[in-house]
């Protein structure tokens, strides 16, 4: 346990900081979840940051820790068709004429079930222009000896079937000044190629490319802003992305079977990131999925989605 942790956290008791946050703790682990957007602001183990998060009370920059629902990444022109109906979403990436990262990043989430080591954040996504569907959303953040586990659920409480995708946007750090001196392993056989709008224009095998991280190697100067898929999974059904810096400063971000894609982003064009950390983003579908239909989840009225991902620190187990 870090020497500057509060007595309550040291005892494993959750605390609630001011400013619409909820902290959970277990042993020497501590995570902070925000009510604005329902995302993850901080995750520490033994006082060591595993997450490049936002300061207390500050709006997250560059998507830090945010929840990406009902679609992750970019949607071309904000336009898509579903069940014969055309929909137009607001373009919140106007310079590229895209809609990006869903509709809940700045919405208010309520605290549902809560224990010292876990919290469930809840939000009802109401119908709106471009997405006339109703979803009851829940995200459970739970700490255990195995690390952090995040469970996303979505139930269609409307009258019509709806398209759905989910993702998360954590920036991770392995304790190195930049990611150049960190090592990375991404167990993916395929990488998506994108145009200058960040939209996929094809896929190719990672073999014999700069994007082949199937074996652990130094990130070096490799620029990453790519979605990977065809993930190699263990007998437990999990795909594991591994990031390491100094001995003992590594971590594994794992993806359950609902998450078939992972976005890896070194943040080169963003002054507040600039390769000081790396976004490893679990996604159920690729960029532009509402437009292409690739891996979009169809949720019928009364139906539900459930997906899990998590982070295991190098000192964790499980």
Protein backbone atom coordinates (compact mmCIF):
# COMPACT_ATOMS: atom_id res chain seq x y z
CA UNK A 1 0.00 0.00 0.00
CA UNK A 2 1.26 3.47 -0.88
CA UNK A 3 2.39 5.51 2.11
CA UNK A 4 0.15 8.42 1.08
CA UNK A 5 -3.07 6.36 0.94
CA UNK A 6 -5.84 7.31 3.34
CA UNK A 7 -6.52 5.05 6.35
CA UNK A 8 -9.91 4.10 4.92
CA UNK A 9 -8.41 2.96 1.62
CA UNK A 10 -5.64 1.12 3.45
CA UNK A 11 -8.34 -0.78 5.29
CA UNK A 12 -10.01 -1.68 2.02
CA UNK A 13 -12.98 0.66 2.52
CA UNK A 14 -14.28 2.61 -0.47
CA UNK A 15 -14.22 6.36 -0.20
CA UNK A 16 -16.15 8.93 -2.21
CA UNK A 17 -14.07 11.96 -3.17
CA UNK A 18 -15.82 15.23 -3.97
CA UNK A 19 -16.77 16.16 -7.51
CA UNK A 20 -18.90 13.24 -8.60
CA UNK A 21 -16.42 10.40 -8.18
CA UNK A 22 -16.48 7.01 -6.53
CA UNK A 23 -13.34 5.26 -5.30
CA UNK A 24 -13.10 1.53 -4.74
CA UNK A 25 -10.25 -0.35 -3.10
CA UNK A 26 -8.99 -3.85 -2.42
CA UNK A 27 -5.66 -4.49 -0.76
CA UNK A 28 -3.14 -2.13 -2.35
CA UNK A 29 -5.33 -1.47 -5.38
CA UNK A 30 -7.43 1.65 -5.83
CA UNK A 31 -9.63 2.75 -8.74
CA UNK A 32 -11.63 5.94 -9.22
CA UNK A 33 -14.73 6.10 -11.42
CA UNK A 34 -16.41 9.35 -12.48
CA UNK A 35 -20.14 10.00 -12.61
CA UNK A 36 -19.82 12.25 -15.67
CA UNK A 37 -19.51 9.65 -18.41
CA UNK A 38 -19.20 6.63 -16.12
CA UNK A 39 -15.53 6.16 -17.03
CA UNK A 40 -12.37 5.17 -15.21
CA UNK A 41 -10.26 8.11 -14.00
CA UNK A 42 -7.51 6.33 -12.07
CA UNK A 43 -6.19 2.87 -11.27
CA UNK A 44 -3.20 2.37 -8.98
CA UNK A 45 -1.51 -0.68 -7.49
CA UNK A 46 0.79 -0.16 -4.54
CA UNK A 47 0.73 3.57 -5.27
CA UNK A 48 1.90 2.99 -8.86
CA UNK A 49 -0.23 4.39 -11.66
CA UNK A 50 -1.28 1.88 -14.31
CA UNK A 51 -3.58 4.41 -15.92
CA UNK A 52 -2.67 7.77 -17.44
CA UNK A 53 -5.84 9.36 -16.18
CA UNK A 54 -7.24 12.79 -15.48
CA UNK A 55 -6.69 15.02 -12.43
CA UNK A 56 -9.51 15.10 -9.85
CA UNK A 57 -12.38 17.29 -10.98
CA UNK A 58 -10.98 17.80 -14.49
CA UNK A 59 -12.78 16.84 -17.68
CA UNK A 60 -10.98 13.94 -19.37
CA UNK A 61 -8.83 14.98 -22.31
CA UNK A 62 -8.30 12.91 -25.46
CA UNK A 63 -10.91 10.35 -24.41
CA UNK A 64 -9.09 9.31 -21.23
CA UNK A 65 -10.88 6.44 -19.52
CA UNK A 66 -14.14 7.08 -21.31
CA UNK A 67 -17.00 4.69 -22.09
CA UNK A 68 -17.72 4.32 -25.82
CA UNK A 69 -21.40 3.39 -26.25
CA UNK A 70 -23.42 2.69 -28.41
CA UNK A 71 -20.48 2.57 -30.82
CA UNK A 72 -16.71 2.93 -30.44
CA UNK A 73 -14.41 4.92 -32.69
CA UNK A 74 -15.50 6.72 -35.87
CA UNK A 75 -18.64 6.66 -38.00
CA UNK A 76 -18.34 8.11 -41.50
CA UNK A 77 -20.42 11.28 -41.96
CA UNK A 78 -22.42 10.21 -38.86
CA UNK A 79 -24.72 8.35 -41.24
CA UNK A 80 -25.94 4.77 -41.17
CA UNK A 81 -28.91 2.59 -42.05
CA UNK A 82 -30.58 0.06 -39.79
CA UNK A 83 -33.63 -2.06 -40.57
CA UNK A 84 -34.37 0.04 -43.65
CA UNK A 85 -34.28 3.37 -41.81
CA UNK A 86 -31.62 6.03 -42.33
CA UNK A 87 -30.16 7.85 -39.37
CA UNK A 88 -28.00 10.97 -39.05
CA UNK A 89 -25.91 11.56 -35.94
CA UNK A 90 -24.25 14.85 -34.95
CA UNK A 91 -20.68 15.21 -36.22
CA UNK A 92 -18.61 15.61 -33.07
CA UNK A 93 -15.38 15.24 -35.04
CA UNK A 94 -16.25 17.95 -37.56
CA UNK A 95 -12.77 18.38 -39.02
CA UNK A 96 -12.99 14.80 -40.30
CA UNK A 97 -16.77 14.80 -40.79
CA UNK A 98 -17.23 11.89 -38.41
CA UNK A 99 -19.34 10.99 -35.42
CA UNK A 100 -17.01 9.51 -32.83
CA UNK A 101 -17.11 7.37 -29.68
CA UNK A 102 -20.83 7.13 -29.02
CA UNK A 103 -23.27 9.16 -27.00
CA UNK A 104 -22.58 8.70 -23.28
CA UNK A 105 -19.14 10.23 -22.67
CA UNK A 106 -20.54 13.37 -21.04
CA UNK A 107 -23.82 11.96 -19.74
CA UNK A 108 -24.55 11.64 -16.03
CA UNK A 109 -24.29 8.13 -14.60
CA UNK A 110 -25.77 7.10 -11.28
CA UNK A 111 -24.17 4.88 -8.66
CA UNK A 112 -26.07 1.60 -8.40
CA UNK A 113 -24.82 -1.34 -6.36
CA UNK A 114 -21.75 -0.50 -4.32
CA UNK A 115 -19.33 -2.31 -2.05
CA UNK A 116 -15.84 -1.36 -0.91
CA UNK A 117 -14.22 -3.25 -3.80
CA UNK A 118 -16.82 -2.70 -6.54
CA UNK A 119 -19.30 -0.21 -7.96
CA UNK A 120 -21.95 -0.43 -10.66
CA UNK A 121 -22.58 2.71 -12.67
CA UNK A 122 -25.97 3.02 -14.38
CA UNK A 123 -27.38 5.17 -17.16
CA UNK A 124 -30.45 5.13 -19.40
CA UNK A 125 -29.64 6.14 -22.95
CA UNK A 126 -32.76 7.90 -24.19
CA UNK A 127 -33.87 8.15 -27.84
CA UNK A 128 -32.43 11.08 -29.78
CA UNK A 129 -31.77 12.27 -33.30
CA UNK A 130 -29.68 9.65 -35.03
CA UNK A 131 -30.22 6.98 -32.39
CA UNK A 132 -33.95 6.63 -31.64
CA UNK A 133 -33.49 3.68 -29.28
CA UNK A 134 -33.58 3.20 -25.51
CA UNK A 135 -30.92 1.29 -23.60
CA UNK A 136 -30.50 0.58 -19.90
CA UNK A 137 -26.74 0.56 -19.39
CA UNK A 138 -24.63 -0.75 -16.54
CA UNK A 139 -20.88 -0.88 -15.99
CA UNK A 140 -19.41 -2.76 -13.04
CA UNK A 141 -15.87 -1.96 -11.94
CA UNK A 142 -14.57 -4.61 -9.52
CA UNK A 143 -11.19 -5.18 -7.88
CA UNK A 144 -9.83 -8.56 -6.80
CA UNK A 145 -6.48 -10.32 -6.43
CA UNK A 146 -6.55 -10.71 -10.23
CA UNK A 147 -6.76 -6.95 -10.78
CA UNK A 148 -9.53 -4.83 -12.28
CA UNK A 149 -12.53 -6.39 -14.03
CA UNK A 150 -14.97 -4.24 -16.04
CA UNK A 151 -18.36 -5.69 -17.00
CA UNK A 152 -20.56 -3.82 -19.46
CA UNK A 153 -24.26 -4.62 -19.86
CA UNK A 154 -26.90 -3.11 -22.12
CA UNK A 155 -30.60 -3.99 -22.21
CA UNK A 156 -32.94 -2.79 -24.92
CA UNK A 157 -35.94 -1.35 -23.07
CA UNK A 158 -37.44 0.22 -26.19
CA UNK A 159 -39.96 -1.07 -28.70
CA UNK A 160 -37.57 -1.61 -31.63
CA UNK A 161 -34.43 -3.62 -32.24
CA UNK A 162 -31.27 -1.49 -32.12
CA UNK A 163 -27.66 -1.60 -33.32
CA UNK A 164 -25.05 -1.66 -30.59
CA UNK A 165 -21.32 -1.57 -30.04
CA UNK A 166 -19.21 -0.92 -26.97
CA UNK A 167 -15.68 0.10 -26.16
CA UNK A 168 -13.46 1.69 -23.54
CA UNK A 169 -10.58 4.17 -23.86
CA UNK A 170 -7.94 3.67 -21.13
CA UNK A 171 -4.49 5.15 -21.60
CA UNK A 172 -2.02 2.81 -19.92
CA UNK A 173 1.48 3.35 -18.61
CA UNK A 174 4.23 0.89 -17.77
CA UNK A 175 6.28 3.42 -15.81
CA UNK A 176 8.53 4.53 -18.68
CA UNK A 177 8.94 8.23 -19.61
CA UNK A 178 7.59 7.42 -23.09
CA UNK A 179 6.22 4.27 -24.65
CA UNK A 180 9.30 4.08 -26.91
CA UNK A 181 11.20 2.17 -24.22
CA UNK A 182 8.28 -0.09 -23.31
CA UNK A 183 7.58 -3.51 -24.78
CA UNK A 184 4.25 -4.54 -26.24
CA UNK A 185 2.55 -7.76 -27.23
CA UNK A 186 -0.73 -7.70 -29.21
CA UNK A 187 -1.98 -11.23 -30.02
CA UNK A 188 -3.63 -10.23 -33.31
CA UNK A 189 -3.18 -11.67 -36.79
CA UNK A 190 -4.89 -8.81 -38.65
CA UNK A 191 -4.58 -5.01 -38.64
CA UNK A 192 -6.99 -2.55 -40.26
CA UNK A 193 -5.64 0.12 -42.62
CA UNK A 194 -7.33 3.54 -42.40
CA UNK A 195 -7.59 6.66 -44.54
CA UNK A 196 -6.86 10.21 -43.39
CA UNK A 197 -10.30 10.37 -41.74
CA UNK A 198 -9.49 7.41 -39.50
CA UNK A 199 -11.90 5.14 -41.40
CA UNK A 200 -10.95 1.57 -42.39
CA UNK A 201 -10.12 1.03 -46.07
CA UNK A 202 -8.95 -2.56 -45.78
CA UNK A 203 -7.34 -5.22 -43.63
CA UNK A 204 -4.04 -7.05 -43.92
CA UNK A 205 -2.08 -9.71 -42.06
CA UNK A 206 0.33 -8.24 -39.53
CA UNK A 207 3.06 -10.65 -40.61
CA UNK A 208 6.12 -8.88 -42.01
CA UNK A 209 4.77 -5.41 -41.12
CA UNK A 210 5.66 -2.84 -38.45
CA UNK A 211 2.39 -3.76 -36.76
CA UNK A 212 3.34 -7.34 -35.94
CA UNK A 213 3.40 -7.46 -32.14
CA UNK A 214 2.44 -11.13 -31.82
CA UNK A 215 5.74 -11.61 -30.06
CA UNK A 216 6.78 -9.16 -27.36
CA UNK A 217 9.00 -6.42 -28.76
CA UNK A 218 10.07 -2.87 -28.12
CA UNK A 219 7.59 -0.24 -29.31
CA UNK A 220 10.46 2.06 -30.30
CA UNK A 221 9.38 4.75 -32.75
CA UNK A 222 6.46 2.74 -34.17
CA UNK A 223 3.45 4.98 -34.68
CA UNK A 224 0.25 3.18 -33.67
CA UNK A 225 -3.29 4.33 -34.31
CA UNK A 226 -4.66 1.01 -35.52
CA UNK A 227 -7.44 -1.47 -34.86
CA UNK A 228 -6.36 -5.10 -34.56
CA UNK A 229 -8.51 -8.22 -34.85
CA UNK A 230 -8.36 -12.00 -35.30
CA UNK A 231 -7.17 -12.18 -31.73
CA UNK A 232 -5.44 -15.25 -30.36
CA UNK A 233 -7.22 -16.40 -27.21
CA UNK A 234 -6.31 -18.70 -24.37
CA UNK A 235 -8.27 -21.75 -23.29
CA UNK A 236 -10.29 -19.41 -21.06
CA UNK A 237 -11.47 -17.43 -24.09
CA UNK A 238 -9.46 -14.33 -23.19
CA UNK A 239 -7.11 -12.36 -25.45
CA UNK A 240 -4.25 -10.69 -23.61
CA UNK A 241 -2.40 -7.53 -24.62
CA UNK A 242 0.82 -7.12 -22.62
CA UNK A 243 2.66 -3.88 -21.86
CA UNK A 244 5.88 -3.75 -19.85
CA UNK A 245 8.51 -1.23 -18.83
CA UNK A 246 10.86 -1.62 -15.91
CA UNK A 247 10.74 -4.96 -14.04
CA UNK A 248 7.53 -5.15 -12.05
CA UNK A 249 5.92 -2.27 -13.93
CA UNK A 250 4.07 -4.32 -16.51
CA UNK A 251 0.41 -5.08 -16.99
CA UNK A 252 -1.96 -7.14 -19.09
CA UNK A 253 -5.17 -5.81 -20.59
CA UNK A 254 -7.42 -8.77 -21.32
CA UNK A 255 -10.53 -8.94 -23.49
CA UNK A 256 -13.47 -11.31 -23.15
CA UNK A 257 -15.01 -12.93 -26.21
CA UNK A 258 -17.50 -10.09 -26.77
CA UNK A 259 -14.56 -7.81 -27.59
CA UNK A 260 -13.21 -8.94 -30.93
CA UNK A 261 -11.16 -5.83 -31.70
CA UNK A 262 -8.56 -3.77 -29.89
CA UNK A 263 -7.44 -0.26 -30.85
CA UNK A 264 -3.84 0.64 -30.02
CA UNK A 265 -2.93 4.35 -30.07
CA UNK A 266 0.38 5.95 -29.13
CA UNK A 267 -1.16 9.43 -29.07
CA UNK A 268 1.46 11.03 -31.30
CA UNK A 269 -0.66 14.01 -32.51
CA UNK A 270 -2.06 14.83 -29.07
CA UNK A 271 0.11 17.21 -27.00
CA UNK A 272 -1.30 15.88 -23.72
CA UNK A 273 -0.43 12.28 -24.66
CA UNK A 274 2.48 12.48 -27.14
CA UNK A 275 3.66 8.89 -26.54
CA UNK A 276 3.86 9.29 -22.75
CA UNK A 277 1.19 6.58 -22.53
CA UNK A 278 -0.61 4.24 -24.88
CA UNK A 279 -4.35 3.73 -25.36
CA UNK A 280 -5.33 0.07 -25.53
CA UNK A 281 -9.04 0.11 -26.29
CA UNK A 282 -11.29 -2.98 -26.13
CA UNK A 283 -13.95 -2.77 -28.85
CA UNK A 284 -16.80 -5.07 -29.84
CA UNK A 285 -16.70 -3.82 -33.44
CA UNK A 286 -14.29 -1.96 -35.72
CA UNK A 287 -14.40 1.73 -36.67
CA UNK A 288 -17.29 2.62 -39.00
CA UNK A 289 -19.20 -0.51 -37.99
CA UNK A 290 -22.66 1.09 -38.04
CA UNK A 291 -21.96 2.00 -41.66
CA UNK A 292 -20.48 -1.35 -42.76
CA UNK A 293 -22.39 -3.68 -40.43
CA UNK A 294 -19.17 -5.41 -39.35
CA UNK A 295 -19.60 -7.07 -35.94
CA UNK A 296 -22.52 -4.81 -34.97
CA UNK A 297 -24.57 -6.36 -32.16
CA UNK A 298 -28.31 -6.42 -32.80
CA UNK A 299 -30.29 -6.18 -29.57
CA UNK A 300 -33.95 -7.08 -29.83
CA UNK A 301 -36.55 -5.47 -27.51
CA UNK A 302 -36.02 -6.98 -24.08
CA UNK A 303 -32.68 -8.44 -25.15
CA UNK A 304 -29.31 -7.77 -23.57
CA UNK A 305 -25.59 -7.56 -24.23
CA UNK A 306 -22.82 -8.43 -21.78
CA UNK A 307 -19.07 -8.05 -22.24
CA UNK A 308 -16.04 -8.11 -19.95
CA UNK A 309 -12.48 -6.81 -20.07
CA UNK A 310 -9.93 -6.01 -17.42
CA UNK A 311 -6.41 -5.13 -16.35
CA UNK A 312 -4.08 -7.45 -14.48
CA UNK A 313 -0.95 -5.83 -13.00
CA UNK A 314 2.36 -7.65 -13.26
CA UNK A 315 2.14 -8.39 -9.55
CA UNK A 316 -1.41 -9.75 -9.88
CA UNK A 317 -2.46 -13.27 -10.63
CA UNK A 318 -5.39 -15.02 -12.23
